[in-house]
Amino acid sequence: MIRGVRGATTVSSNTGDEIVQRTKELLNDLITENAIEANQVASVFISMTEDLDDTFPAKALREIDGWTYVPVMCMRELAVPNSLAKCIRIMIHLNTDQQQEAMYHAYHYEAVQLRPDLIRGEEEE
């Protein structure tokens, strides 16, 4: 079965270093908490809001050991009025026997407001 694992984070500024660092932090959380191995992954989609354009967030995935050949696509998030600014969203499509409700989804920093119903334990900073 292919399942989706979602996550989102925010940055304080439109700088390549912060975009890559926060994206990598979120990816590592999703990978660790769901025990994902690169060979299970069909694809990864990463979107950013229109106020972020300093670098490709996929660079973060390429810094993770063993993830060189995982297909990744970067895209622009819809520009919905009053939506969360400076936001990076991730969707990992993976092959797993886990039920969808067992999948861990992560929301960091200001993104915790997007899906408070999916936050497990203490909220992130």
C-alpha atoms as a PDB file:
ATOM      1  CA  MET A   1       0.000   0.000   0.000  1.00  0.00           C
ATOM      2  CA  ILE A   2       1.203   3.506  -0.759  1.00  0.00           C
ATOM      3  CA  ARG A   3       0.662   5.935   2.122  1.00  0.00           C
ATOM      4  CA  GLY A   4       1.209   9.650   2.424  1.00  0.00           C
ATOM      5  CA  VAL A   5       3.154  11.296   5.216  1.00  0.00           C
ATOM      6  CA  ARG A   6       2.684  15.046   5.596  1.00  0.00           C
ATOM      7  CA  GLY A   7       4.591  17.758   7.312  1.00  0.00           C
ATOM      8  CA  ALA A   8       5.076  21.501   7.312  1.00  0.00           C
ATOM      9  CA  THR A   9       7.445  24.029   8.774  1.00  0.00           C
ATOM     10  CA  THR A  10       8.108  27.736   8.539  1.00  0.00           C
ATOM     11  CA  VAL A  11      11.168  29.928   8.212  1.00  0.00           C
ATOM     12  CA  SER A  12      11.754  33.408   9.565  1.00  0.00           C
ATOM     13  CA  SER A  13      13.433  34.696   6.406  1.00  0.00           C
ATOM     14  CA  ASN A  14      13.824  33.903   2.718  1.00  0.00           C
ATOM     15  CA  THR A  15      17.399  32.628   2.891  1.00  0.00           C
ATOM     16  CA  GLY A  16      18.701  29.471   1.277  1.00  0.00           C
ATOM     17  CA  ASP A  17      20.469  28.328   4.424  1.00  0.00           C
ATOM     18  CA  GLU A  18      17.351  28.552   6.583  1.00  0.00           C
ATOM     19  CA  ILE A  19      15.121  26.989   3.915  1.00  0.00           C
ATOM     20  CA  VAL A  20      17.444  23.978   3.592  1.00  0.00           C
ATOM     21  CA  GLN A  21      18.023  23.680   7.356  1.00  0.00           C
ATOM     22  CA  ARG A  22      14.315  23.753   8.297  1.00  0.00           C
ATOM     23  CA  THR A  23      13.380  21.412   5.430  1.00  0.00           C
ATOM     24  CA  LYS A  24      16.065  18.938   6.487  1.00  0.00           C
ATOM     25  CA  GLU A  25      14.938  19.156  10.117  1.00  0.00           C
ATOM     26  CA  LEU A  26      11.360  18.329   9.094  1.00  0.00           C
ATOM     27  CA  LEU A  27      12.420  15.528   6.743  1.00  0.00           C
ATOM     28  CA  ASN A  28      14.581  13.946   9.456  1.00  0.00           C
ATOM     29  CA  ASP A  29      11.654  14.062  11.902  1.00  0.00           C
ATOM     30  CA  LEU A  30       9.284  12.403   9.411  1.00  0.00           C
ATOM     31  CA  ILE A  31      11.873   9.797   8.404  1.00  0.00           C
ATOM     32  CA  THR A  32      12.824   8.928  11.990  1.00  0.00           C
ATOM     33  CA  GLU A  33       9.316   8.822  13.482  1.00  0.00           C
ATOM     34  CA  ASN A  34       7.933   6.725  10.613  1.00  0.00           C
ATOM     35  CA  ALA A  35      11.074   4.545  10.290  1.00  0.00           C
ATOM     36  CA  ILE A  36      11.204   5.347   6.572  1.00  0.00           C
ATOM     37  CA  GLU A  37      13.936   3.864   4.412  1.00  0.00           C
ATOM     38  CA  ALA A  38      14.719   5.516   1.093  1.00  0.00           C
ATOM     39  CA  ASN A  39      13.900   2.362  -0.880  1.00  0.00           C
ATOM     40  CA  GLN A  40      10.284   2.505   0.437  1.00  0.00           C
ATOM     41  CA  VAL A  41       9.714   5.973  -1.024  1.00  0.00           C
ATOM     42  CA  ALA A  42       7.910   6.412  -4.337  1.00  0.00           C
ATOM     43  CA  SER A  43       8.278  10.210  -4.398  1.00  0.00           C
ATOM     44  CA  VAL A  44       8.517  13.369  -2.323  1.00  0.00           C
ATOM     45  CA  PHE A  45       6.675  16.610  -3.069  1.00  0.00           C
ATOM     46  CA  ILE A  46       7.875  19.819  -1.444  1.00  0.00           C
ATOM     47  CA  SER A  47       6.006  23.080  -1.809  1.00  0.00           C
ATOM     48  CA  MET A  48       6.826  26.583  -0.645  1.00  0.00           C
ATOM     49  CA  THR A  49       4.688  29.679  -0.359  1.00  0.00           C
ATOM     50  CA  GLU A  50       5.254  32.413  -2.935  1.00  0.00           C
ATOM     51  CA  ASP A  51       7.297  34.525  -0.478  1.00  0.00           C
ATOM     52  CA  LEU A  52      10.077  31.885  -0.528  1.00  0.00           C
ATOM     53  CA  ASP A  53      12.308  31.599  -3.571  1.00  0.00           C
ATOM     54  CA  ASP A  54      15.951  31.783  -2.495  1.00  0.00           C
ATOM     55  CA  THR A  55      16.712  28.089  -3.121  1.00  0.00           C
ATOM     56  CA  PHE A  56      15.201  24.707  -3.886  1.00  0.00           C
ATOM     57  CA  PRO A  57      14.143  22.969  -0.656  1.00  0.00           C
ATOM     58  CA  ALA A  58      14.953  19.619  -2.298  1.00  0.00           C
ATOM     59  CA  LYS A  59      18.604  20.358  -1.556  1.00  0.00           C
ATOM     60  CA  ALA A  60      17.822  19.225   1.998  1.00  0.00           C
ATOM     61  CA  LEU A  61      16.774  15.779   0.805  1.00  0.00           C
ATOM     62  CA  ARG A  62      19.996  15.405  -1.167  1.00  0.00           C
ATOM     63  CA  GLU A  63      21.970  15.978   2.047  1.00  0.00           C
ATOM     64  CA  ILE A  64      20.410  12.909   3.693  1.00  0.00           C
ATOM     65  CA  ASP A  65      22.558   9.813   3.373  1.00  0.00           C
ATOM     66  CA  GLY A  66      21.064   7.210   1.043  1.00  0.00           C
ATOM     67  CA  TRP A  67      18.364   9.463  -0.458  1.00  0.00           C
ATOM     68  CA  THR A  68      20.224  10.399  -3.674  1.00  0.00           C
ATOM     69  CA  TYR A  69      17.889   8.522  -6.021  1.00  0.00           C
ATOM     70  CA  VAL A  70      14.549   9.339  -4.369  1.00  0.00           C
ATOM     71  CA  PRO A  71      12.420  11.329  -6.849  1.00  0.00           C
ATOM     72  CA  VAL A  72      11.599  14.780  -5.475  1.00  0.00           C
ATOM     73  CA  MET A  73       9.540  17.611  -6.948  1.00  0.00           C
ATOM     74  CA  CYS A  74       9.523  21.211  -5.753  1.00  0.00           C
ATOM     75  CA  MET A  75       6.470  23.345  -6.425  1.00  0.00           C
ATOM     76  CA  ARG A  76       4.702  26.567  -5.488  1.00  0.00           C
ATOM     77  CA  GLU A  77       1.986  26.414  -2.835  1.00  0.00           C
ATOM     78  CA  LEU A  78      -1.365  27.980  -3.748  1.00  0.00           C
ATOM     79  CA  ALA A  79      -1.507  31.679  -2.904  1.00  0.00           C
ATOM     80  CA  VAL A  80      -4.628  31.635  -0.730  1.00  0.00           C
ATOM     81  CA  PRO A  81      -5.424  34.960   0.973  1.00  0.00           C
ATOM     82  CA  ASN A  82      -4.484  35.044   4.674  1.00  0.00           C
ATOM     83  CA  SER A  83      -2.712  31.680   4.522  1.00  0.00           C
ATOM     84  CA  LEU A  84       0.414  30.932   6.545  1.00  0.00           C
ATOM     85  CA  ALA A  85       3.440  32.811   5.186  1.00  0.00           C
ATOM     86  CA  LYS A  86       6.998  31.509   4.733  1.00  0.00           C
ATOM     87  CA  CYS A  87       5.753  27.942   4.845  1.00  0.00           C
ATOM     88  CA  ILE A  88       7.333  24.765   3.465  1.00  0.00           C
ATOM     89  CA  ARG A  89       5.127  21.684   3.097  1.00  0.00           C
ATOM     90  CA  ILE A  90       6.259  18.107   2.458  1.00  0.00           C
ATOM     91  CA  MET A  91       4.391  15.040   1.234  1.00  0.00           C
ATOM     92  CA  ILE A  92       6.241  11.717   1.232  1.00  0.00           C
ATOM     93  CA  HIS A  93       4.616   8.855  -0.699  1.00  0.00           C
ATOM     94  CA  LEU A  94       5.895   5.530   0.615  1.00  0.00           C
ATOM     95  CA  ASN A  95       5.196   1.831   0.435  1.00  0.00           C
ATOM     96  CA  THR A  96       4.276   0.511   3.873  1.00  0.00           C
ATOM     97  CA  ASP A  97       2.062  -1.981   5.666  1.00  0.00           C
ATOM     98  CA  GLN A  98       1.149   0.655   8.277  1.00  0.00           C
ATOM     99  CA  GLN A  99      -2.418   1.924   8.452  1.00  0.00           C
ATOM    100  CA  GLN A 100      -2.896   5.585   7.456  1.00  0.00           C
ATOM    101  CA  GLU A 101      -3.908   6.585  10.984  1.00  0.00           C
ATOM    102  CA  ALA A 102      -0.658   5.104  12.320  1.00  0.00           C
ATOM    103  CA  MET A 103       1.491   7.420  10.199  1.00  0.00           C
ATOM    104  CA  TYR A 104       3.252  10.252  12.025  1.00  0.00           C
ATOM    105  CA  HIS A 105       2.761  13.724  10.543  1.00  0.00           C
ATOM    106  CA  ALA A 106       4.917  16.631  11.765  1.00  0.00           C
ATOM    107  CA  TYR A 107       4.233  20.351  11.989  1.00  0.00           C
ATOM    108  CA  HIS A 108       7.056  22.568  13.191  1.00  0.00           C
ATOM    109  CA  TYR A 109       7.269  26.200  14.295  1.00  0.00           C
ATOM    110  CA  GLU A 110       4.342  28.336  13.065  1.00  0.00           C
ATOM    111  CA  ALA A 111       3.024  25.423  11.000  1.00  0.00           C
ATOM    112  CA  VAL A 112       1.576  23.761  14.118  1.00  0.00           C
ATOM    113  CA  GLN A 113      -1.529  25.873  13.467  1.00  0.00           C
ATOM    114  CA  LEU A 114      -2.186  24.087  10.153  1.00  0.00           C
ATOM    115  CA  ARG A 115      -3.193  20.736  11.643  1.00  0.00           C
ATOM    116  CA  PRO A 116      -3.386  20.912  15.441  1.00  0.00           C
ATOM    117  CA  ASP A 117      -5.457  17.723  15.320  1.00  0.00           C
ATOM    118  CA  LEU A 118      -2.383  15.788  14.128  1.00  0.00           C
ATOM    119  CA  ILE A 119       0.094  17.068  16.724  1.00  0.00           C
ATOM    120  CA  ARG A 120       1.253  14.259  19.001  1.00  0.00           C
ATOM    121  CA  GLY A 121       2.692  15.024  22.410  1.00  0.00           C
ATOM    122  CA  GLU A 122       4.198  18.425  23.087  1.00  0.00           C
ATOM    123  CA  GLU A 123       4.026  21.034  20.327  1.00  0.00           C
ATOM    124  CA  GLU A 124       7.211  22.040  18.509  1.00  0.00           C
ATOM    125  CA  GLU A 125       8.829  25.409  18.993  1.00  0.00           C
END
